[in-house]
């Protein structure tokens, strides 16, 4: 039995298919969109999760190494700033101090 009063509509964003009855103006069926992308199969999803875990661990290791060297880097920057300040000529008294 063919439903001549119903028609299919495809969602433009998710590509799900809705079967709509024109007389009653209700959705009769909903067909979920086809699975695509990295989570289309369990194996692909697991591979992407393993890749994400490796990237997270690498970022964490870089951040931990940077934190270990942070004190040395800051002390070197401070020493370089002091050297630059010593090499600069004395600006003299500020105009506001002369009043």
Protein backbone atom coordinates (compact mmCIF):
# COMPACT_ATOMS: atom_id res chain seq x y z
CA UNK A 1 0.00 0.00 0.00
CA UNK A 2 1.62 3.22 -1.15
CA UNK A 3 1.14 6.36 0.87
CA UNK A 4 0.39 9.03 -1.73
CA UNK A 5 -0.44 11.55 0.98
CA UNK A 6 3.00 11.33 2.60
CA UNK A 7 6.33 12.65 1.43
CA UNK A 8 9.94 12.51 2.57
CA UNK A 9 11.91 15.54 3.73
CA UNK A 10 15.67 15.51 4.21
CA UNK A 11 17.12 17.77 6.90
CA UNK A 12 19.75 20.03 5.30
CA UNK A 13 22.01 20.11 8.37
CA UNK A 14 22.06 16.51 9.63
CA UNK A 15 20.60 14.71 6.57
CA UNK A 16 17.99 12.82 8.58
CA UNK A 17 14.93 11.76 6.59
CA UNK A 18 11.45 12.60 7.88
CA UNK A 19 8.31 11.07 6.41
CA UNK A 20 5.49 13.58 6.73
CA UNK A 21 1.76 12.94 6.21
CA UNK A 22 0.30 15.82 4.23
CA UNK A 23 -3.31 15.31 5.34
CA UNK A 24 -2.73 15.02 9.07
CA UNK A 25 0.39 17.21 9.02
CA UNK A 26 2.46 15.02 11.33
CA UNK A 27 5.78 13.23 11.09
CA UNK A 28 5.11 9.54 10.50
CA UNK A 29 8.71 8.28 10.51
CA UNK A 30 12.15 9.51 11.32
CA UNK A 31 15.19 7.88 9.74
CA UNK A 32 18.41 8.94 11.48
CA UNK A 33 21.15 10.39 9.31
CA UNK A 34 23.82 8.06 7.96
CA UNK A 35 26.85 7.82 10.19
CA UNK A 36 29.89 9.48 8.72
CA UNK A 37 33.13 10.87 10.02
CA UNK A 38 35.60 9.44 12.51
CA UNK A 39 32.94 7.85 14.74
CA UNK A 40 31.28 5.87 11.94
CA UNK A 41 32.73 2.65 13.28
CA UNK A 42 33.99 1.54 16.65
CA UNK A 43 37.51 0.92 15.36
CA UNK A 44 37.81 4.42 13.93
CA UNK A 45 36.46 5.92 17.16
CA UNK A 46 38.99 4.00 19.24
CA UNK A 47 41.84 5.09 16.97
CA UNK A 48 40.84 8.73 17.27
CA UNK A 49 40.62 8.41 21.07
CA UNK A 50 44.09 6.86 21.24
CA UNK A 51 45.43 9.67 19.09
CA UNK A 52 43.79 12.27 21.35
CA UNK A 53 45.28 10.62 24.44
CA UNK A 54 48.77 10.69 22.93
CA UNK A 55 48.39 14.37 22.02
CA UNK A 56 47.16 15.20 25.54
CA UNK A 57 50.11 13.40 27.10
CA UNK A 58 52.56 15.20 24.80
CA UNK A 59 51.05 18.60 25.67
CA UNK A 60 51.16 17.76 29.37
CA UNK A 61 54.83 16.72 29.15
CA UNK A 62 55.72 19.96 27.34
CA UNK A 63 53.89 21.99 29.99
CA UNK A 64 55.59 20.07 32.82
CA UNK A 65 59.04 20.60 31.24
CA UNK A 66 58.31 24.30 30.79
CA UNK A 67 57.25 24.55 34.44
CA UNK A 68 60.51 22.87 35.56
CA UNK A 69 62.57 25.43 33.64
CA UNK A 70 60.35 28.39 34.50
CA UNK A 71 62.43 29.59 37.47
CA UNK A 72 65.67 29.52 35.47
CA UNK A 73 64.08 31.32 32.52
CA UNK A 74 62.63 34.04 34.74
CA UNK A 75 65.92 34.57 36.57
CA UNK A 76 67.77 34.90 33.24
CA UNK A 77 65.21 37.42 32.01
CA UNK A 78 65.52 39.37 35.25
CA UNK A 79 69.33 39.43 35.02
CA UNK A 80 69.14 40.59 31.40
CA UNK A 81 66.76 43.36 32.42
CA UNK A 82 69.10 44.47 35.19
CA UNK A 83 72.02 44.57 32.76
CA UNK A 84 70.02 46.69 30.34
CA UNK A 85 69.00 49.02 33.16
CA UNK A 86 72.65 49.43 34.24
CA UNK A 87 73.72 50.27 30.69
CA UNK A 88 71.05 52.94 30.25
CA UNK A 89 72.05 56.54 31.03
CA UNK A 90 70.56 58.18 34.10
CA UNK A 91 67.41 60.02 32.97
CA UNK A 92 67.93 62.75 35.57
CA UNK A 93 65.27 64.20 37.81
CA UNK A 94 61.67 63.93 36.74
CA UNK A 95 59.90 67.22 36.03
CA UNK A 96 57.31 66.44 38.67
CA UNK A 97 60.04 66.12 41.33
CA UNK A 98 61.29 69.65 40.59
CA UNK A 99 58.12 71.34 41.84
